C-alpha cells in the first residue's frame, strides 16, 4: 500500500490469505516462477537416474532384510509339505486307514496314496523360490555376487541330480520296484517309492534346466576392475541378458528333448527288457534306455521352449540405441525386476 498505486482499488483476484503469505518467500519486486525453489520428495529422488560420471554404489537400495523372511518361510513350508506328501504312506499309519461307511460303502484309496500327487508342484515351487532369492541377492552386493551366484549354481546342480534320479529311479533301483505284501489287517499295499517320486522328477529337472539357463544367459552384474580412487575397483556392468546365448541354450535343450522323444527310432535294439534278480531272490523287469528316455522329453522341451520364447519376446521389446537418441545411463542402484 506504500508503493505507487497501492491505494487503488484491487482488481479481481484472490483475497488476502495470511496462511499463504507466511509460506511465500520475501521477494523484492517480482520473481518469475522459474526462479522459485523446487522441492523434490525423497521417494522421487530415488527414481532419478544416476548421473554419468558418478561413482556407482556397490549395494542396491531398498528391500529391508526382514521382508526376505516371508518368501523364505513360504519356500520352507512348501518343501516340508512336499516331503510329507511323498512319505506319508510309509510312516503315518493313519494316512492308510479309510472307513467305507463314510463314502457310501465305496472302496477308495487311502489319502496317503493320493496326496503324493501334490508333491511335484510343492517341491518345484519351493525350490524355485529359494533359487530366485539367491539370484536376486547376488545382484545386490558386488562383494557377495560371486559367492551367491556359485550357491545358485550348486543349488541348480543339486536339484537337477535329484530330479534325474527321481525321474529314472525305477531303472536305477530295480530292486525297489517290488510291491510290498498286504498287511494282516487288510491295509492296502504300499506303493514302491520309485513310483511315488517319479512324477516329481520332471518338475525338478525342468527347474534345474531353467536355473542353468539363467546362469548361462545372464552375466554378472558387477565387474572387478583396477582399483582407483573413483570406483574402488568395482563397476556395475548391468548384467544385460544375452539373446544369442538364450537362443543357443534353447536350441540345444529342444534338440535333446526331441532326441529323447525319437530314441526308440534311433536305436530300436535298446528297447529290450532285461530281467534283474535282486539279493532277496525277487525278479524285476527293467526296460532299455530307449524305452525310458521318453521321461526326459517334458523337462527338456519345456525348458528349451521357455528360453526360446523369452529370447523372442526380449528381441521384440529390447531398445535399440540410435544416433539421434543416445542410450541413457543405467540406474546403478536399482534392483533387477
Protein backbone atom coordinates (compact mmCIF):
# COMPACT_ATOMS: atom_id res chain seq x y z
CA UNK A 1 0.00 0.00 0.00
CA UNK A 2 3.02 2.31 0.43
CA UNK A 3 4.02 1.88 -3.21
CA UNK A 4 2.74 3.96 -6.06
CA UNK A 5 -0.71 2.80 -6.98
CA UNK A 6 -1.15 0.93 -3.76
CA UNK A 7 -4.19 3.00 -2.79
CA UNK A 8 -6.02 1.90 -5.88
CA UNK A 9 -8.88 -0.50 -5.57
CA UNK A 10 -7.76 -4.08 -6.03
CA UNK A 11 -8.84 -5.85 -9.16
CA UNK A 12 -10.41 -9.26 -9.36
CA UNK A 13 -8.24 -11.90 -7.83
CA UNK A 14 -7.69 -13.98 -4.71
CA UNK A 15 -8.24 -12.28 -1.39
CA UNK A 16 -5.56 -11.79 1.24
CA UNK A 17 -4.83 -15.07 3.00
CA UNK A 18 -2.38 -14.95 5.93
CA UNK A 19 -1.55 -18.66 5.64
CA UNK A 20 -0.37 -18.30 2.07
CA UNK A 21 1.58 -15.17 2.86
CA UNK A 22 3.55 -16.94 5.58
CA UNK A 23 4.60 -19.67 3.15
CA UNK A 24 5.85 -17.28 0.45
CA UNK A 25 9.48 -16.18 0.37
CA UNK A 26 10.33 -12.50 0.95
CA UNK A 27 10.82 -11.15 -2.53
CA UNK A 28 11.92 -7.72 -3.63
CA UNK A 29 9.87 -6.85 -6.66
CA UNK A 30 8.63 -9.62 -8.87
CA UNK A 31 10.22 -13.08 -9.22
CA UNK A 32 9.43 -15.41 -12.05
CA UNK A 33 8.07 -18.82 -11.37
CA UNK A 34 11.16 -20.41 -12.93
CA UNK A 35 13.37 -18.88 -10.23
CA UNK A 36 11.38 -20.26 -7.31
CA UNK A 37 12.94 -23.20 -5.47
CA UNK A 38 11.73 -26.69 -6.34
CA UNK A 39 11.48 -29.25 -3.56
CA UNK A 40 11.64 -32.92 -4.58
CA UNK A 41 10.43 -35.59 -2.21
CA UNK A 42 12.87 -38.22 -1.05
CA UNK A 43 11.00 -41.02 -2.74
CA UNK A 44 11.05 -39.13 -6.02
CA UNK A 45 14.79 -38.55 -5.74
CA UNK A 46 15.30 -42.32 -5.59
CA UNK A 47 13.73 -42.61 -9.04
CA UNK A 48 16.08 -40.09 -10.67
CA UNK A 49 18.60 -41.96 -12.89
CA UNK A 50 22.23 -41.85 -11.99
CA UNK A 51 24.27 -39.03 -13.49
CA UNK A 52 27.04 -40.17 -15.83
CA UNK A 53 30.43 -39.97 -14.20
CA UNK A 54 29.22 -40.50 -10.67
CA UNK A 55 30.58 -43.40 -8.67
CA UNK A 56 28.00 -46.22 -8.66
CA UNK A 57 27.03 -47.71 -5.36
CA UNK A 58 28.06 -51.31 -4.79
CA UNK A 59 24.89 -52.05 -2.82
CA UNK A 60 21.35 -51.67 -4.15
CA UNK A 61 18.92 -49.61 -2.13
CA UNK A 62 15.66 -50.73 -0.59
CA UNK A 63 14.44 -54.19 0.37
CA UNK A 64 14.56 -54.39 4.17
CA UNK A 65 16.15 -57.65 5.35
CA UNK A 66 13.14 -58.79 7.35
CA UNK A 67 10.99 -58.94 4.21
CA UNK A 68 13.16 -61.72 2.85
CA UNK A 69 11.85 -63.96 5.62
CA UNK A 70 8.39 -64.03 4.03
CA UNK A 71 9.33 -65.86 0.79
CA UNK A 72 11.88 -67.93 2.70
CA UNK A 73 9.20 -69.13 5.11
CA UNK A 74 6.83 -69.87 2.22
CA UNK A 75 9.52 -71.92 0.47
CA UNK A 76 10.30 -73.94 3.59
CA UNK A 77 6.61 -74.65 4.20
CA UNK A 78 6.17 -75.88 0.62
CA UNK A 79 9.24 -78.09 0.84
CA UNK A 80 8.08 -79.63 4.12
CA UNK A 81 4.60 -80.19 2.71
CA UNK A 82 6.10 -81.82 -0.39
CA UNK A 83 8.26 -84.18 1.66
CA UNK A 84 5.27 -85.08 3.82
CA UNK A 85 3.21 -85.81 0.70
CA UNK A 86 5.86 -88.20 -0.59
CA UNK A 87 6.41 -90.10 2.65
CA UNK A 88 3.03 -90.05 4.40
CA UNK A 89 2.03 -93.61 3.47
CA UNK A 90 5.30 -95.08 4.76
CA UNK A 91 5.30 -93.75 8.32
CA UNK A 92 1.82 -92.34 9.03
CA UNK A 93 -0.41 -95.37 9.56
CA UNK A 94 -3.48 -93.15 9.90
CA UNK A 95 -2.97 -91.99 6.31
CA UNK A 96 -3.63 -95.55 5.10
CA UNK A 97 -6.89 -96.02 7.00
CA UNK A 98 -10.24 -95.42 5.37
CA UNK A 99 -13.81 -96.11 6.50
CA UNK A 100 -16.06 -97.18 3.59
CA UNK A 101 -19.17 -96.30 5.62
CA UNK A 102 -18.30 -92.60 5.26
CA UNK A 103 -18.20 -92.85 1.46
CA UNK A 104 -21.44 -94.71 0.73
CA UNK A 105 -19.62 -98.01 1.16
CA UNK A 106 -17.43 -97.35 -1.84
CA UNK A 107 -13.86 -98.64 -1.82
CA UNK A 108 -11.50 -95.69 -2.19
CA UNK A 109 -7.77 -95.39 -1.93
CA UNK A 110 -6.44 -94.00 1.34
CA UNK A 111 -5.43 -90.37 1.13
CA UNK A 112 -1.83 -91.36 1.90
CA UNK A 113 -1.64 -92.95 -1.56
CA UNK A 114 -3.21 -89.91 -3.23
CA UNK A 115 -1.54 -86.94 -1.61
CA UNK A 116 1.84 -87.67 -3.22
CA UNK A 117 0.46 -86.23 -6.47
CA UNK A 118 0.75 -82.74 -4.93
CA UNK A 119 4.44 -83.17 -4.18
CA UNK A 120 5.77 -82.16 -7.65
CA UNK A 121 4.17 -78.73 -7.50
CA UNK A 122 5.13 -78.15 -3.85
CA UNK A 123 8.76 -79.16 -4.34
CA UNK A 124 9.13 -77.35 -7.66
CA UNK A 125 7.74 -74.04 -6.40
CA UNK A 126 9.57 -74.31 -3.07
CA UNK A 127 12.97 -74.80 -4.68
CA UNK A 128 12.05 -72.16 -7.25
CA UNK A 129 11.51 -69.52 -4.55
CA UNK A 130 14.87 -70.35 -2.99
CA UNK A 131 16.55 -70.09 -6.39
CA UNK A 132 15.01 -66.70 -7.15
CA UNK A 133 16.06 -65.37 -3.75
CA UNK A 134 19.66 -66.48 -4.24
CA UNK A 135 19.83 -64.94 -7.69
CA UNK A 136 18.32 -61.61 -6.62
CA UNK A 137 20.62 -61.43 -3.61
CA UNK A 138 23.61 -61.96 -5.88
CA UNK A 139 22.61 -58.84 -7.81
CA UNK A 140 22.66 -56.59 -4.76
CA UNK A 141 26.24 -56.69 -3.46
CA UNK A 142 29.39 -56.67 -5.54
CA UNK A 143 31.40 -58.34 -2.78
CA UNK A 144 28.94 -61.25 -2.44
CA UNK A 145 27.87 -61.74 -6.03
CA UNK A 146 30.35 -64.50 -6.83
CA UNK A 147 29.58 -66.46 -3.66
CA UNK A 148 25.80 -66.21 -4.03
CA UNK A 149 25.99 -66.92 -7.76
CA UNK A 150 28.05 -70.03 -7.01
CA UNK A 151 25.48 -71.10 -4.42
CA UNK A 152 22.78 -70.61 -7.05
CA UNK A 153 24.68 -72.84 -9.45
CA UNK A 154 25.25 -75.53 -6.83
CA UNK A 155 21.54 -75.49 -5.98
CA UNK A 156 20.75 -75.93 -9.68
CA UNK A 157 23.08 -78.94 -9.90
CA UNK A 158 21.63 -80.49 -6.72
CA UNK A 159 18.05 -80.02 -7.91
CA UNK A 160 18.99 -81.44 -11.32
CA UNK A 161 20.60 -84.55 -9.82
CA UNK A 162 17.59 -85.08 -7.56
CA UNK A 163 15.21 -84.66 -10.49
CA UNK A 164 17.19 -87.01 -12.74
CA UNK A 165 17.42 -89.66 -10.01
CA UNK A 166 13.71 -89.44 -9.24
CA UNK A 167 12.75 -89.50 -12.91
CA UNK A 168 14.69 -92.70 -13.63
CA UNK A 169 14.51 -94.26 -10.16
CA UNK A 170 12.65 -97.29 -11.46
CA UNK A 171 15.62 -98.11 -13.71
CA UNK A 172 18.36 -97.05 -11.31
CA UNK A 173 16.90 -99.04 -8.39
CA UNK A 174 15.12 -102.07 -9.88
CA UNK A 175 15.05 -103.92 -6.57
CA UNK A 176 12.77 -101.21 -5.13
CA UNK A 177 10.02 -101.81 -7.68
CA UNK A 178 8.56 -104.82 -5.87
CA UNK A 179 5.18 -104.17 -4.32
CA UNK A 180 5.07 -104.81 -0.60
CA UNK A 181 2.86 -107.59 0.66
CA UNK A 182 -0.51 -106.76 2.17
CA UNK A 183 -0.79 -106.42 5.91
CA UNK A 184 -2.83 -108.75 8.09
CA UNK A 185 -5.42 -106.06 8.83
CA UNK A 186 -6.31 -105.67 5.13
CA UNK A 187 -4.42 -102.40 4.88
CA UNK A 188 -3.69 -101.51 1.23
CA UNK A 189 -0.25 -102.34 -0.05
CA UNK A 190 2.35 -99.61 -0.01
CA UNK A 191 3.45 -98.18 -3.32
CA UNK A 192 7.12 -98.68 -4.20
CA UNK A 193 8.95 -95.43 -3.62
CA UNK A 194 10.16 -95.15 -7.27
CA UNK A 195 6.53 -94.92 -8.31
CA UNK A 196 5.94 -92.13 -5.82
CA UNK A 197 8.96 -89.91 -6.57
CA UNK A 198 8.96 -90.31 -10.37
CA UNK A 199 6.34 -87.57 -11.05
CA UNK A 200 8.43 -85.05 -9.07
CA UNK A 201 11.49 -85.77 -11.21
CA UNK A 202 10.17 -83.96 -14.28
CA UNK A 203 9.39 -80.79 -12.28
CA UNK A 204 12.76 -80.72 -10.54
CA UNK A 205 14.72 -81.41 -13.72
CA UNK A 206 12.85 -78.66 -15.59
CA UNK A 207 13.56 -76.22 -12.74
CA UNK A 208 17.26 -77.12 -12.77
CA UNK A 209 17.46 -76.57 -16.53
CA UNK A 210 15.86 -73.13 -16.17
CA UNK A 211 18.28 -72.22 -13.39
CA UNK A 212 21.25 -73.25 -15.52
CA UNK A 213 19.80 -71.18 -18.36
CA UNK A 214 19.81 -68.12 -16.10
CA UNK A 215 23.48 -68.69 -15.25
CA UNK A 216 24.37 -69.12 -18.92
CA UNK A 217 22.32 -66.25 -20.33
CA UNK A 218 22.56 -63.57 -17.61
CA UNK A 219 26.13 -62.35 -16.92
CA UNK A 220 27.41 -60.97 -13.66
CA UNK A 221 26.17 -57.52 -12.76
CA UNK A 222 29.32 -56.34 -11.01
CA UNK A 223 32.70 -56.44 -12.73
CA UNK A 224 36.03 -56.16 -10.98
CA UNK A 225 38.38 -53.55 -12.42
CA UNK A 226 41.66 -51.96 -11.45
CA UNK A 227 41.14 -50.20 -8.14
CA UNK A 228 41.44 -46.44 -8.11
CA UNK A 229 40.14 -43.54 -6.09
CA UNK A 230 36.98 -43.15 -8.14
CA UNK A 231 35.32 -46.59 -8.29
CA UNK A 232 37.18 -48.67 -5.68
CA UNK A 233 37.77 -51.38 -8.27
CA UNK A 234 34.09 -52.24 -8.85
CA UNK A 235 31.85 -51.17 -11.72
CA UNK A 236 28.20 -52.07 -12.29
CA UNK A 237 28.02 -53.69 -15.70
CA UNK A 238 24.23 -54.02 -15.62
CA UNK A 239 24.25 -57.77 -16.33
CA UNK A 240 22.20 -57.46 -19.52
CA UNK A 241 20.97 -60.91 -20.68
CA UNK A 242 22.36 -62.22 -23.97
CA UNK A 243 19.78 -63.06 -26.61
CA UNK A 244 22.30 -65.10 -28.60
CA UNK A 245 23.11 -67.26 -25.60
CA UNK A 246 19.42 -67.72 -24.93
CA UNK A 247 18.84 -68.91 -28.48
CA UNK A 248 21.79 -71.29 -28.29
CA UNK A 249 20.73 -72.77 -24.94
CA UNK A 250 17.11 -73.14 -26.04
CA UNK A 251 18.02 -74.87 -29.28
CA UNK A 252 20.32 -77.34 -27.52
CA UNK A 253 17.68 -78.19 -24.90
CA UNK A 254 15.00 -78.65 -27.56
CA UNK A 255 17.34 -80.88 -29.57
CA UNK A 256 17.96 -83.09 -26.52
CA UNK A 257 14.23 -83.30 -25.87
CA UNK A 258 13.50 -84.31 -29.45
CA UNK A 259 16.33 -86.84 -29.32
CA UNK A 260 14.77 -88.43 -26.24
CA UNK A 261 11.38 -88.45 -27.97
CA UNK A 262 12.68 -90.32 -31.03
CA UNK A 263 15.14 -92.53 -29.13
CA UNK A 264 13.24 -95.78 -29.99
CA UNK A 265 13.56 -94.95 -33.68
CA UNK A 266 17.24 -94.07 -33.39
CA UNK A 267 18.20 -97.28 -31.56
CA UNK A 268 15.47 -99.96 -31.74
CA UNK A 269 17.70 -102.60 -30.14
CA UNK A 270 17.81 -100.53 -26.93
CA UNK A 271 14.13 -101.34 -26.32
CA UNK A 272 14.87 -104.82 -24.94
CA UNK A 273 13.59 -105.57 -21.45
CA UNK A 274 16.11 -107.03 -19.02
CA UNK A 275 15.34 -109.26 -16.05
CA UNK A 276 17.20 -108.39 -12.87
CA UNK A 277 17.35 -110.71 -9.85
CA UNK A 278 17.76 -108.98 -6.50
CA UNK A 279 19.63 -110.27 -3.45
CA UNK A 280 16.36 -111.41 -1.88
CA UNK A 281 15.59 -113.62 -4.87
CA UNK A 282 12.90 -111.38 -6.37
CA UNK A 283 12.98 -110.60 -10.05
CA UNK A 284 12.36 -107.23 -11.69
CA UNK A 285 11.98 -106.30 -15.31
CA UNK A 286 13.96 -103.26 -16.41
CA UNK A 287 13.28 -101.75 -19.85
CA UNK A 288 16.09 -100.50 -22.07
CA UNK A 289 17.26 -96.90 -22.05
CA UNK A 290 15.43 -96.06 -25.26
CA UNK A 291 12.14 -97.05 -23.67
CA UNK A 292 12.62 -94.86 -20.62
CA UNK A 293 14.24 -91.91 -22.40
CA UNK A 294 10.80 -90.51 -23.11
CA UNK A 295 10.56 -89.41 -19.49
CA UNK A 296 13.12 -86.66 -20.21
CA UNK A 297 11.13 -85.20 -23.11
CA UNK A 298 8.90 -82.96 -20.99
CA UNK A 299 11.57 -81.17 -18.87
CA UNK A 300 13.98 -80.57 -21.76
CA UNK A 301 11.32 -79.39 -24.18
CA UNK A 302 9.69 -77.19 -21.56
CA UNK A 303 12.95 -75.52 -20.53
CA UNK A 304 14.20 -75.15 -24.10
CA UNK A 305 10.98 -73.70 -25.47
CA UNK A 306 10.63 -71.38 -22.46
CA UNK A 307 14.11 -69.93 -23.09
CA UNK A 308 13.40 -69.60 -26.82
CA UNK A 309 10.13 -67.83 -26.03
CA UNK A 310 11.98 -65.42 -23.74
CA UNK A 311 14.56 -64.73 -26.44
CA UNK A 312 11.84 -63.99 -28.98
CA UNK A 313 9.97 -61.64 -26.65
CA UNK A 314 13.18 -59.96 -25.49
CA UNK A 315 14.20 -59.40 -29.12
CA UNK A 316 10.93 -57.62 -29.83
CA UNK A 317 10.98 -55.44 -26.72
CA UNK A 318 14.70 -54.62 -26.46
CA UNK A 319 15.57 -50.97 -27.03
CA UNK A 320 17.93 -50.29 -29.92
CA UNK A 321 20.14 -47.21 -29.42
CA UNK A 322 20.20 -44.74 -32.29
CA UNK A 323 22.38 -41.77 -33.13
CA UNK A 324 19.55 -39.30 -32.54
CA UNK A 325 18.59 -40.87 -29.23
CA UNK A 326 21.65 -41.89 -27.22
CA UNK A 327 21.43 -44.70 -24.75
CA UNK A 328 20.54 -43.48 -21.27
CA UNK A 329 22.85 -44.24 -18.41
CA UNK A 330 21.50 -47.27 -16.50
CA UNK A 331 20.48 -46.85 -12.89
CA UNK A 332 23.36 -48.32 -10.91
CA UNK A 333 21.46 -48.61 -7.65
CA UNK A 334 18.22 -50.12 -8.92
CA UNK A 335 17.43 -53.74 -8.28
CA UNK A 336 16.64 -56.00 -11.20
CA UNK A 337 12.92 -56.69 -11.59
